[in-house]
Amino acid sequence: PECSGVTTLSTTSGFIGDGYPSQYPNSLSCAWVINPSGDQQITLTFLELDTETCCDKVIVYDGSSSSSTVLGTFSGSTVPTQTITSSGGVLYVRFTSDGLVQKAGFRASFTTVREESVSQITLICQIASLDHNLTFCDFIPLFGSHRSTHPRLKLVKL
């Protein structure tokens, strides 16, 4: 299987998995440290998921080890629709299986998040006159004189 020990990945995008669609072995434990250069956020998207619901799981951590904050635990046969995003430049993904049932496993893609520079985009915000708890913003590119066609952002004041 592709899954063995701890693998460190330093590329800005790629794929991880336990050997999907081949069945993973019993009592498997492996992990990936996704740590590309540049300290940019990382997104992880599940492409396939087929594990024993009770006992074989993928755990995604927001950091470099299993002592970091858990962003999600995934098992079963429903591919998660949400994208998982790190708060910093490292994700730790761990897969474990028990000693009984073997299934196809999982496959996921990862990529770094490109942040728009403040010098490239300016936000023009207006307080909504009827509801002072909401702020609406439009993106205005600095290199153009017209508003973009992006939808408005709705920001809630805390």
N, C-alpha and C. Protein backbone atom coordinates (compact mmCIF):
# COMPACT_ATOMS: atom_id res chain seq x y z
N PRO A 1 0.82 -1.21 0.00
CA PRO A 1 0.00 0.00 0.00
C PRO A 1 0.86 1.26 0.00
N GLU A 2 0.24 2.38 -0.36
CA GLU A 2 0.93 3.66 -0.33
C GLU A 2 1.13 4.12 1.11
N CYS A 3 0.47 3.49 2.03
CA CYS A 3 0.40 3.93 3.41
C CYS A 3 1.40 3.14 4.25
N SER A 4 2.45 3.83 4.74
CA SER A 4 3.47 3.13 5.51
C SER A 4 4.20 4.13 6.40
N GLY A 5 4.14 3.95 7.70
CA GLY A 5 4.84 4.84 8.62
C GLY A 5 4.36 6.27 8.49
N VAL A 6 5.29 7.22 8.63
CA VAL A 6 4.99 8.64 8.48
C VAL A 6 5.71 9.15 7.24
N THR A 7 4.96 9.75 6.33
CA THR A 7 5.52 10.30 5.10
C THR A 7 5.41 11.82 5.16
N THR A 8 6.51 12.51 4.91
CA THR A 8 6.50 13.97 4.87
C THR A 8 6.45 14.43 3.42
N LEU A 9 5.49 15.30 3.12
CA LEU A 9 5.31 15.82 1.76
C LEU A 9 5.59 17.32 1.77
N SER A 10 6.45 17.79 0.87
CA SER A 10 6.81 19.21 0.85
C SER A 10 6.35 19.90 -0.43
N THR A 11 5.57 19.19 -1.26
CA THR A 11 5.06 19.79 -2.49
C THR A 11 3.85 20.66 -2.18
N THR A 12 3.52 21.59 -3.08
CA THR A 12 2.38 22.48 -2.86
C THR A 12 1.04 21.84 -3.23
N SER A 13 1.07 20.69 -3.88
CA SER A 13 -0.16 19.96 -4.17
C SER A 13 0.19 18.50 -4.41
N GLY A 14 -0.83 17.65 -4.27
CA GLY A 14 -0.60 16.22 -4.48
C GLY A 14 -1.75 15.40 -3.98
N PHE A 15 -1.50 14.10 -3.83
CA PHE A 15 -2.52 13.15 -3.41
C PHE A 15 -1.98 12.29 -2.28
N ILE A 16 -2.87 11.89 -1.39
CA ILE A 16 -2.52 10.93 -0.35
C ILE A 16 -3.60 9.86 -0.33
N GLY A 17 -3.25 8.70 0.18
CA GLY A 17 -4.21 7.62 0.30
C GLY A 17 -3.54 6.37 0.80
N ASP A 18 -4.35 5.38 1.09
CA ASP A 18 -3.85 4.13 1.65
C ASP A 18 -3.69 3.05 0.59
N GLY A 19 -3.75 3.42 -0.67
CA GLY A 19 -3.65 2.45 -1.76
C GLY A 19 -4.97 2.24 -2.48
N TYR A 20 -5.96 3.10 -2.20
CA TYR A 20 -7.27 3.02 -2.82
C TYR A 20 -7.11 2.81 -4.33
N PRO A 21 -7.87 1.91 -4.96
CA PRO A 21 -9.01 1.15 -4.46
C PRO A 21 -8.67 -0.24 -3.92
N SER A 22 -7.38 -0.58 -3.83
CA SER A 22 -7.02 -1.87 -3.24
C SER A 22 -7.37 -1.88 -1.76
N GLN A 23 -7.80 -3.01 -1.26
CA GLN A 23 -8.17 -3.08 0.16
C GLN A 23 -6.95 -2.85 1.04
N TYR A 24 -7.13 -2.04 2.07
CA TYR A 24 -6.04 -1.79 3.02
C TYR A 24 -5.93 -3.00 3.95
N PRO A 25 -4.74 -3.22 4.49
CA PRO A 25 -4.55 -4.36 5.39
C PRO A 25 -5.12 -4.10 6.79
N ASN A 26 -5.28 -5.18 7.56
CA ASN A 26 -5.69 -5.06 8.95
C ASN A 26 -4.58 -4.41 9.77
N SER A 27 -4.97 -3.77 10.85
CA SER A 27 -4.04 -3.19 11.83
C SER A 27 -3.04 -2.24 11.19
N LEU A 28 -3.52 -1.40 10.30
CA LEU A 28 -2.67 -0.43 9.62
C LEU A 28 -2.65 0.89 10.39
N SER A 29 -1.49 1.50 10.45
CA SER A 29 -1.37 2.83 11.04
C SER A 29 -0.31 3.59 10.24
N CYS A 30 -0.73 4.68 9.62
CA CYS A 30 0.21 5.47 8.84
C CYS A 30 -0.22 6.92 8.85
N ALA A 31 0.69 7.81 8.46
CA ALA A 31 0.39 9.23 8.53
C ALA A 31 1.17 10.00 7.47
N TRP A 32 0.66 11.19 7.18
CA TRP A 32 1.31 12.11 6.25
C TRP A 32 1.44 13.46 6.94
N VAL A 33 2.62 14.05 6.87
CA VAL A 33 2.82 15.42 7.31
C VAL A 33 2.92 16.24 6.03
N ILE A 34 1.93 17.06 5.79
CA ILE A 34 1.91 17.90 4.58
C ILE A 34 2.46 19.26 5.01
N ASN A 35 3.67 19.56 4.53
CA ASN A 35 4.39 20.73 5.00
C ASN A 35 5.12 21.42 3.85
N PRO A 36 4.38 22.04 2.92
CA PRO A 36 5.03 22.72 1.79
C PRO A 36 5.74 23.99 2.26
N SER A 37 6.72 24.41 1.50
CA SER A 37 7.42 25.64 1.84
C SER A 37 6.49 26.82 1.63
N GLY A 38 6.74 27.91 2.32
CA GLY A 38 5.93 29.11 2.14
C GLY A 38 4.94 29.37 3.24
N ASP A 39 4.75 28.41 4.15
CA ASP A 39 3.86 28.60 5.30
C ASP A 39 2.47 29.08 4.90
N GLN A 40 1.95 28.57 3.78
CA GLN A 40 0.60 28.91 3.34
C GLN A 40 -0.38 27.88 3.89
N GLN A 41 -1.64 28.29 4.02
CA GLN A 41 -2.67 27.35 4.44
C GLN A 41 -2.77 26.22 3.42
N ILE A 42 -3.27 25.07 3.88
CA ILE A 42 -3.40 23.88 3.04
C ILE A 42 -4.86 23.45 3.05
N THR A 43 -5.39 23.09 1.88
CA THR A 43 -6.72 22.51 1.82
C THR A 43 -6.61 21.03 1.49
N LEU A 44 -7.48 20.23 2.08
CA LEU A 44 -7.54 18.80 1.84
C LEU A 44 -8.96 18.47 1.40
N THR A 45 -9.07 17.76 0.27
CA THR A 45 -10.37 17.38 -0.27
C THR A 45 -10.41 15.87 -0.47
N PHE A 46 -11.40 15.23 0.10
CA PHE A 46 -11.54 13.79 -0.08
C PHE A 46 -12.10 13.51 -1.47
N LEU A 47 -11.49 12.55 -2.16
CA LEU A 47 -11.95 12.12 -3.47
C LEU A 47 -12.68 10.79 -3.38
N GLU A 48 -12.24 9.94 -2.47
CA GLU A 48 -12.84 8.62 -2.26
C GLU A 48 -12.79 8.31 -0.77
N LEU A 49 -13.79 7.59 -0.27
CA LEU A 49 -13.78 7.15 1.12
C LEU A 49 -14.62 5.89 1.24
N ASP A 50 -14.01 4.82 1.72
CA ASP A 50 -14.71 3.56 1.96
C ASP A 50 -13.96 2.81 3.05
N THR A 51 -14.35 3.07 4.30
CA THR A 51 -13.72 2.42 5.45
C THR A 51 -14.78 1.82 6.36
N GLU A 52 -14.36 0.95 7.25
CA GLU A 52 -15.27 0.40 8.25
C GLU A 52 -15.66 1.54 9.19
N THR A 53 -16.95 1.81 9.27
CA THR A 53 -17.44 3.00 9.99
C THR A 53 -17.00 3.06 11.44
N CYS A 54 -17.06 1.96 12.11
CA CYS A 54 -16.76 1.97 13.55
C CYS A 54 -15.29 2.11 13.87
N CYS A 55 -14.44 1.55 13.03
CA CYS A 55 -13.10 1.26 13.54
C CYS A 55 -11.94 1.70 12.65
N ASP A 56 -12.17 2.00 11.40
CA ASP A 56 -11.10 2.40 10.49
C ASP A 56 -11.35 3.85 10.10
N LYS A 57 -10.40 4.74 10.38
CA LYS A 57 -10.70 6.16 10.20
C LYS A 57 -9.50 6.97 9.74
N VAL A 58 -9.85 8.11 9.13
CA VAL A 58 -8.88 9.13 8.74
C VAL A 58 -9.10 10.30 9.68
N ILE A 59 -8.03 10.73 10.34
CA ILE A 59 -8.12 11.88 11.24
C ILE A 59 -7.20 12.97 10.70
N VAL A 60 -7.74 14.18 10.58
CA VAL A 60 -6.99 15.31 10.04
C VAL A 60 -6.72 16.29 11.18
N TYR A 61 -5.44 16.63 11.36
CA TYR A 61 -5.01 17.52 12.44
C TYR A 61 -4.48 18.83 11.86
N ASP A 62 -4.71 19.91 12.60
CA ASP A 62 -4.27 21.25 12.20
C ASP A 62 -2.88 21.52 12.77
N GLY A 63 -1.88 20.88 12.20
CA GLY A 63 -0.52 21.04 12.69
C GLY A 63 0.34 19.88 12.25
N SER A 64 1.46 19.68 12.94
CA SER A 64 2.47 18.73 12.48
C SER A 64 2.43 17.36 13.16
N SER A 65 1.47 17.14 14.08
CA SER A 65 1.43 15.85 14.77
C SER A 65 0.03 15.55 15.27
N SER A 66 -0.12 14.36 15.84
CA SER A 66 -1.42 13.95 16.36
C SER A 66 -1.76 14.63 17.68
N SER A 67 -0.85 15.45 18.19
CA SER A 67 -1.18 16.24 19.38
C SER A 67 -1.77 17.60 18.99
N SER A 68 -1.84 17.88 17.69
CA SER A 68 -2.45 19.13 17.20
C SER A 68 -3.98 19.03 17.25
N THR A 69 -4.65 20.15 17.05
CA THR A 69 -6.11 20.21 17.07
C THR A 69 -6.69 19.35 15.94
N VAL A 70 -7.71 18.57 16.26
CA VAL A 70 -8.38 17.73 15.26
C VAL A 70 -9.32 18.59 14.43
N LEU A 71 -9.16 18.56 13.10
CA LEU A 71 -10.05 19.28 12.19
C LEU A 71 -11.21 18.41 11.74
N GLY A 72 -11.03 17.10 11.80
CA GLY A 72 -12.11 16.19 11.41
C GLY A 72 -11.69 14.74 11.49
N THR A 73 -12.67 13.87 11.76
CA THR A 73 -12.48 12.43 11.76
C THR A 73 -13.47 11.86 10.76
N PHE A 74 -12.97 11.03 9.83
CA PHE A 74 -13.79 10.57 8.70
C PHE A 74 -13.72 9.05 8.58
N SER A 75 -14.89 8.44 8.37
CA SER A 75 -14.97 7.00 8.14
C SER A 75 -16.30 6.70 7.46
N GLY A 76 -16.45 5.45 7.01
CA GLY A 76 -17.67 5.07 6.33
C GLY A 76 -17.52 5.15 4.83
N SER A 77 -18.64 5.27 4.14
CA SER A 77 -18.60 5.25 2.67
C SER A 77 -19.14 6.52 2.02
N THR A 78 -19.44 7.53 2.82
CA THR A 78 -19.90 8.79 2.26
C THR A 78 -18.72 9.75 2.16
N VAL A 79 -18.39 10.14 0.95
CA VAL A 79 -17.25 11.05 0.74
C VAL A 79 -17.62 12.42 1.30
N PRO A 80 -16.81 12.96 2.22
CA PRO A 80 -17.12 14.28 2.76
C PRO A 80 -17.13 15.34 1.66
N THR A 81 -18.10 16.23 1.72
CA THR A 81 -18.20 17.27 0.71
C THR A 81 -17.44 18.53 1.10
N GLN A 82 -17.15 18.69 2.38
CA GLN A 82 -16.45 19.89 2.80
C GLN A 82 -14.95 19.76 2.55
N THR A 83 -14.32 20.88 2.28
CA THR A 83 -12.88 20.96 2.16
C THR A 83 -12.33 21.33 3.52
N ILE A 84 -11.26 20.67 3.94
CA ILE A 84 -10.64 20.95 5.22
C ILE A 84 -9.48 21.90 4.97
N THR A 85 -9.39 22.97 5.76
CA THR A 85 -8.34 23.97 5.57
C THR A 85 -7.57 24.16 6.87
N SER A 86 -6.25 24.11 6.77
CA SER A 86 -5.39 24.33 7.94
C SER A 86 -5.39 25.80 8.31
N SER A 87 -5.05 26.09 9.56
CA SER A 87 -4.92 27.49 9.98
C SER A 87 -3.52 28.01 9.66
N GLY A 88 -2.58 27.10 9.50
CA GLY A 88 -1.20 27.48 9.19
C GLY A 88 -0.66 26.66 8.04
N GLY A 89 0.64 26.44 8.03
CA GLY A 89 1.29 25.82 6.89
C GLY A 89 1.55 24.33 7.00
N VAL A 90 0.90 23.63 7.95
CA VAL A 90 1.13 22.19 8.11
C VAL A 90 -0.19 21.47 8.41
N LEU A 91 -0.39 20.33 7.76
CA LEU A 91 -1.50 19.41 8.07
C LEU A 91 -0.89 18.04 8.39
N TYR A 92 -1.48 17.37 9.37
CA TYR A 92 -1.09 16.00 9.71
C TYR A 92 -2.32 15.13 9.49
N VAL A 93 -2.18 14.10 8.66
CA VAL A 93 -3.30 13.21 8.35
C VAL A 93 -2.91 11.80 8.76
N ARG A 94 -3.77 11.16 9.56
CA ARG A 94 -3.46 9.82 10.05
C ARG A 94 -4.58 8.85 9.66
N PHE A 95 -4.18 7.66 9.20
CA PHE A 95 -5.15 6.61 8.89
C PHE A 95 -4.85 5.40 9.76
N THR A 96 -5.89 4.85 10.39
CA THR A 96 -5.73 3.63 11.19
C THR A 96 -6.86 2.66 10.87
N SER A 97 -6.53 1.39 10.92
CA SER A 97 -7.54 0.34 10.75
C SER A 97 -7.39 -0.69 11.87
N ASP A 98 -8.49 -1.36 12.18
CA ASP A 98 -8.43 -2.39 13.21
C ASP A 98 -8.05 -3.73 12.59
N GLY A 99 -8.26 -4.81 13.32
CA GLY A 99 -7.82 -6.11 12.86
C GLY A 99 -8.88 -6.96 12.20
N LEU A 100 -10.03 -6.38 11.84
CA LEU A 100 -11.11 -7.22 11.34
C LEU A 100 -11.48 -6.99 9.88
N VAL A 101 -12.11 -5.89 9.57
CA VAL A 101 -12.69 -5.65 8.24
C VAL A 101 -11.73 -4.86 7.37
N GLN A 102 -11.61 -5.27 6.11
CA GLN A 102 -10.81 -4.54 5.13
C GLN A 102 -11.73 -3.97 4.06
N LYS A 103 -11.46 -2.72 3.67
CA LYS A 103 -12.24 -2.07 2.61
C LYS A 103 -11.30 -1.35 1.67
N ALA A 104 -11.86 -0.57 0.75
CA ALA A 104 -11.06 0.10 -0.27
C ALA A 104 -10.22 1.26 0.27
N GLY A 105 -10.68 1.90 1.35
CA GLY A 105 -9.89 2.96 1.96
C GLY A 105 -10.25 4.36 1.51
N PHE A 106 -9.22 5.20 1.31
CA PHE A 106 -9.49 6.59 0.96
C PHE A 106 -8.42 7.13 0.03
N ARG A 107 -8.80 8.23 -0.61
CA ARG A 107 -7.88 9.00 -1.44
C ARG A 107 -8.30 10.46 -1.31
N ALA A 108 -7.30 11.33 -1.15
CA ALA A 108 -7.59 12.76 -0.98
C ALA A 108 -6.54 13.57 -1.73
N SER A 109 -6.91 14.79 -2.10
CA SER A 109 -5.96 15.70 -2.73
C SER A 109 -5.71 16.86 -1.78
N PHE A 110 -4.52 17.45 -1.90
CA PHE A 110 -4.21 18.63 -1.10
C PHE A 110 -3.57 19.68 -1.99
N THR A 111 -3.73 20.92 -1.58
CA THR A 111 -3.11 22.03 -2.28
C THR A 111 -2.95 23.20 -1.32
N THR A 112 -2.01 24.07 -1.60
CA THR A 112 -1.85 25.25 -0.77
C THR A 112 -2.86 26.30 -1.18
N VAL A 113 -3.21 27.16 -0.24
CA VAL A 113 -4.17 28.23 -0.48
C VAL A 113 -3.39 29.48 -0.83
N ARG A 114 -3.70 30.05 -1.97
CA ARG A 114 -3.05 31.30 -2.38
C ARG A 114 -3.84 32.46 -1.80
N GLU A 115 -3.20 33.22 -0.96
CA GLU A 115 -3.89 34.36 -0.36
C GLU A 115 -3.71 35.57 -1.25
N GLU A 116 -4.80 36.29 -1.45
CA GLU A 116 -4.74 37.52 -2.23
C GLU A 116 -4.03 38.59 -1.41
N SER A 117 -3.13 39.25 -1.99
CA SER A 117 -2.39 40.31 -1.33
C SER A 117 -3.29 41.53 -1.14
N VAL A 118 -3.07 42.24 -0.05
CA VAL A 118 -3.84 43.46 0.22
C VAL A 118 -3.61 44.48 -0.89
N SER A 119 -2.44 44.43 -1.51
CA SER A 119 -2.16 45.38 -2.58
C SER A 119 -2.93 45.05 -3.87
N GLN A 120 -3.51 43.87 -3.97
CA GLN A 120 -4.24 43.48 -5.18
C GLN A 120 -5.74 43.71 -5.07
N ILE A 121 -6.26 43.68 -3.87
CA ILE A 121 -7.71 43.81 -3.70
C ILE A 121 -8.00 44.79 -2.57
N THR A 122 -8.94 45.64 -2.79
CA THR A 122 -9.42 46.55 -1.75
C THR A 122 -10.87 46.21 -1.47
N LEU A 123 -11.23 46.20 -0.22
CA LEU A 123 -12.62 45.95 0.14
C LEU A 123 -13.28 47.28 0.49
N ILE A 124 -14.39 47.53 -0.16
CA ILE A 124 -15.20 48.71 0.17
C ILE A 124 -16.40 48.20 0.96
N CYS A 125 -16.54 48.66 2.18
CA CYS A 125 -17.62 48.17 3.02
C CYS A 125 -18.60 49.28 3.35
N GLN A 126 -19.84 48.89 3.44
CA GLN A 126 -20.89 49.83 3.82
C GLN A 126 -21.72 49.19 4.92
N ILE A 127 -22.03 49.96 5.92
CA ILE A 127 -22.92 49.46 6.97
C ILE A 127 -24.34 49.53 6.41
N ALA A 128 -25.04 48.42 6.49
CA ALA A 128 -26.43 48.39 6.02
C ALA A 128 -27.25 49.33 6.89
N SER A 129 -28.00 50.21 6.27
CA SER A 129 -28.70 51.26 7.01
C SER A 129 -29.82 50.71 7.90
N LEU A 130 -30.47 49.63 7.50
CA LEU A 130 -31.58 49.12 8.29
C LEU A 130 -31.15 48.17 9.40
N ASP A 131 -30.03 47.52 9.22
CA ASP A 131 -29.57 46.55 10.21
C ASP A 131 -28.11 46.84 10.53
N HIS A 132 -27.86 47.48 11.63
CA HIS A 132 -26.50 47.88 11.99
C HIS A 132 -25.63 46.71 12.45
N ASN A 133 -26.16 45.51 12.44
CA ASN A 133 -25.37 44.34 12.82
C ASN A 133 -24.71 43.67 11.62
N LEU A 134 -25.02 44.12 10.41
CA LEU A 134 -24.47 43.49 9.21
C LEU A 134 -23.64 44.49 8.42
N THR A 135 -22.59 43.99 7.82
CA THR A 135 -21.76 44.80 6.92
C THR A 135 -21.72 44.09 5.58
N PHE A 136 -21.89 44.84 4.49
CA PHE A 136 -21.83 44.27 3.16
C PHE A 136 -20.61 44.83 2.44
N CYS A 137 -19.89 43.99 1.72
CA CYS A 137 -18.66 44.43 1.06
C CYS A 137 -18.66 43.99 -0.40
N ASP A 138 -18.06 44.80 -1.25
CA ASP A 138 -17.82 44.44 -2.64
C ASP A 138 -16.31 44.44 -2.87
N PHE A 139 -15.83 43.53 -3.71
CA PHE A 139 -14.43 43.54 -4.09
C PHE A 139 -14.20 44.58 -5.17
N ILE A 140 -13.15 45.38 -5.02
CA ILE A 140 -12.77 46.36 -6.04
C ILE A 140 -11.31 46.09 -6.41
N PRO A 141 -11.02 45.59 -7.59
CA PRO A 141 -9.61 45.39 -7.97
C PRO A 141 -8.92 46.73 -8.14
N LEU A 142 -7.69 46.84 -7.64
CA LEU A 142 -6.95 48.10 -7.75
C LEU A 142 -6.59 48.44 -9.19
N PHE A 143 -6.46 47.39 -10.03
CA PHE A 143 -6.03 47.65 -11.40
C PHE A 143 -7.20 47.96 -12.33
N GLY A 144 -8.42 47.96 -11.83
CA GLY A 144 -9.58 48.25 -12.67
C GLY A 144 -10.41 49.35 -12.07
N SER A 145 -11.22 49.99 -12.87
CA SER A 145 -12.02 51.11 -12.37
C SER A 145 -13.46 50.72 -12.09
N HIS A 146 -13.84 49.46 -12.35
CA HIS A 146 -15.23 49.06 -12.12
C HIS A 146 -15.27 47.93 -11.09
N ARG A 147 -16.42 47.79 -10.48
CA ARG A 147 -16.58 46.72 -9.50
C ARG A 147 -16.58 45.37 -10.18
N SER A 148 -16.02 44.39 -9.50
CA SER A 148 -15.97 43.04 -10.07
C SER A 148 -17.36 42.42 -10.04
N THR A 149 -17.51 41.29 -10.69
CA THR A 149 -18.79 40.60 -10.71
C THR A 149 -18.90 39.58 -9.58
N HIS A 150 -17.93 39.61 -8.64
CA HIS A 150 -18.00 38.69 -7.51
C HIS A 150 -19.24 39.01 -6.68
N PRO A 151 -19.86 38.02 -6.07
CA PRO A 151 -21.00 38.30 -5.21
C PRO A 151 -20.56 39.11 -4.00
N ARG A 152 -21.51 39.77 -3.41
CA ARG A 152 -21.22 40.55 -2.21
C ARG A 152 -20.92 39.59 -1.06
N LEU A 153 -20.06 40.02 -0.17
CA LEU A 153 -19.78 39.29 1.04
C LEU A 153 -20.65 39.82 2.16
N LYS A 154 -21.20 38.93 2.94
CA LYS A 154 -22.02 39.34 4.07
C LYS A 154 -21.24 39.05 5.33
N LEU A 155 -20.82 40.07 6.06
CA LEU A 155 -20.03 39.91 7.27
C LEU A 155 -20.89 40.24 8.48
N VAL A 156 -20.84 39.39 9.48
CA VAL A 156 -21.62 39.63 10.69
C VAL A 156 -20.69 40.17 11.76
N LYS A 157 -21.05 41.31 12.33
CA LYS A 157 -20.25 41.89 13.41
C LYS A 157 -20.46 41.06 14.67
N LEU A 158 -19.38 40.82 15.39
CA LEU A 158 -19.48 40.06 16.65
C LEU A 158 -19.51 41.00 17.83
